């Protein structure tokens, strides 16, 4: 392996590890107030939405439309999960709807 590749891997490791450890080191002895505590609790929800929403709205052909199997399966699975609060059944239902809609469209 070349020296540049090894240095790149080490730098990427330091940046990734540092981005995760530095907030713990800086905020170790601090108590967060109401706003910051609620703000931090919403970060996972925002990240999940940022990952899922583009997948639901943009089809595999990079077109935005309502005849998207991901969108149809996502909405129908959401409705199903609200009525039947069972994670296994909801995932199974979503997969079946996606496969069915993908075959039809």
Protein backbone atom coordinates (compact mmCIF):
# COMPACT_ATOMS: atom_id res chain seq x y z
CA UNK A 1 0.00 0.00 0.00
CA UNK A 2 1.29 3.43 -0.83
CA UNK A 3 2.13 6.05 1.78
CA UNK A 4 -0.65 8.36 0.53
CA UNK A 5 -3.33 5.72 1.00
CA UNK A 6 -2.18 4.94 4.54
CA UNK A 7 -2.10 8.64 5.43
CA UNK A 8 -5.56 9.13 3.92
CA UNK A 9 -6.97 6.23 5.96
CA UNK A 10 -5.36 7.54 9.16
CA UNK A 11 -6.65 11.07 8.52
CA UNK A 12 -10.17 9.81 7.80
CA UNK A 13 -10.07 7.72 10.98
CA UNK A 14 -8.97 10.72 13.05
CA UNK A 15 -11.68 12.96 11.58
CA UNK A 16 -14.43 10.37 12.08
CA UNK A 17 -13.37 9.49 15.61
CA UNK A 18 -12.78 13.14 16.51
CA UNK A 19 -16.23 14.21 15.34
CA UNK A 20 -17.77 11.65 17.68
CA UNK A 21 -15.52 12.14 20.70
CA UNK A 22 -15.01 15.92 20.82
CA UNK A 23 -18.63 16.74 21.86
CA UNK A 24 -18.36 14.24 24.73
CA UNK A 25 -15.07 15.75 25.88
CA UNK A 26 -16.31 19.36 25.63
CA UNK A 27 -19.72 18.74 27.24
CA UNK A 28 -18.52 16.24 29.85
CA UNK A 29 -19.02 18.45 32.91
CA UNK A 30 -21.85 20.61 31.58
CA UNK A 31 -25.56 20.35 32.24
CA UNK A 32 -27.71 21.11 29.21
CA UNK A 33 -30.76 23.32 29.61
CA UNK A 34 -34.28 22.85 28.28
CA UNK A 35 -33.81 24.15 24.72
CA UNK A 36 -30.57 22.27 24.04
CA UNK A 37 -31.86 19.07 25.60
CA UNK A 38 -34.98 19.12 23.42
CA UNK A 39 -32.88 20.13 20.38
CA UNK A 40 -30.54 17.18 20.82
CA UNK A 41 -33.44 14.79 21.32
CA UNK A 42 -34.80 15.77 17.87
CA UNK A 43 -31.54 15.09 16.00
CA UNK A 44 -32.22 11.35 15.41
CA UNK A 45 -35.68 12.13 14.04
CA UNK A 46 -34.27 14.77 11.69
CA UNK A 47 -31.53 12.45 10.46
CA UNK A 48 -34.01 9.64 9.81
CA UNK A 49 -36.29 12.02 7.92
CA UNK A 50 -33.36 13.30 5.86
CA UNK A 51 -32.54 9.72 4.87
CA UNK A 52 -36.08 8.48 4.22
CA UNK A 53 -37.93 11.41 2.60
CA UNK A 54 -35.77 11.59 -0.57
CA UNK A 55 -36.18 7.83 -1.05
CA UNK A 56 -39.96 8.17 -0.83
CA UNK A 57 -40.23 11.09 -3.23
CA UNK A 58 -37.68 10.28 -5.92
CA UNK A 59 -38.22 7.17 -8.04
CA UNK A 60 -35.36 4.86 -9.09
CA UNK A 61 -35.33 6.68 -12.47
CA UNK A 62 -34.63 10.00 -10.62
CA UNK A 63 -38.09 11.37 -11.35
CA UNK A 64 -40.44 12.92 -8.85
CA UNK A 65 -43.96 11.56 -9.13
CA UNK A 66 -46.84 9.97 -7.28
CA UNK A 67 -46.51 6.64 -9.11
CA UNK A 68 -43.44 5.77 -7.10
CA UNK A 69 -43.46 2.28 -5.50
CA UNK A 70 -41.50 3.58 -2.51
CA UNK A 71 -44.03 6.34 -1.84
CA UNK A 72 -47.06 4.09 -2.23
CA UNK A 73 -45.53 1.39 -0.02
CA UNK A 74 -44.42 3.96 2.55
CA UNK A 75 -47.81 5.63 2.89
CA UNK A 76 -49.74 2.36 2.96
CA UNK A 77 -47.32 0.87 5.51
CA UNK A 78 -47.66 3.96 7.70
CA UNK A 79 -51.45 3.61 7.67
CA UNK A 80 -51.20 -0.14 8.31
CA UNK A 81 -48.76 0.39 11.21
CA UNK A 82 -51.12 2.89 12.83
CA UNK A 83 -53.93 0.31 12.74
CA UNK A 84 -51.86 -2.80 13.58
CA UNK A 85 -49.11 -1.90 16.07
CA UNK A 86 -46.87 -4.91 15.34
CA UNK A 87 -43.44 -4.22 13.87
CA UNK A 88 -43.07 -7.61 12.18
CA UNK A 89 -46.47 -7.38 10.46
CA UNK A 90 -45.80 -3.79 9.41
CA UNK A 91 -42.44 -4.64 7.83
CA UNK A 92 -43.93 -7.69 6.11
CA UNK A 93 -46.88 -5.66 4.86
CA UNK A 94 -44.59 -2.92 3.55
CA UNK A 95 -42.41 -5.40 1.70
CA UNK A 96 -45.40 -7.13 0.12
CA UNK A 97 -46.95 -3.83 -0.95
CA UNK A 98 -43.65 -2.63 -2.41
CA UNK A 99 -43.10 -5.85 -4.35
CA UNK A 100 -46.70 -5.85 -5.60
CA UNK A 101 -46.69 -2.20 -6.65
CA UNK A 102 -43.24 -2.55 -8.22
CA UNK A 103 -44.50 -5.41 -10.39
CA UNK A 104 -47.61 -3.48 -11.48
CA UNK A 105 -45.96 -0.11 -12.22
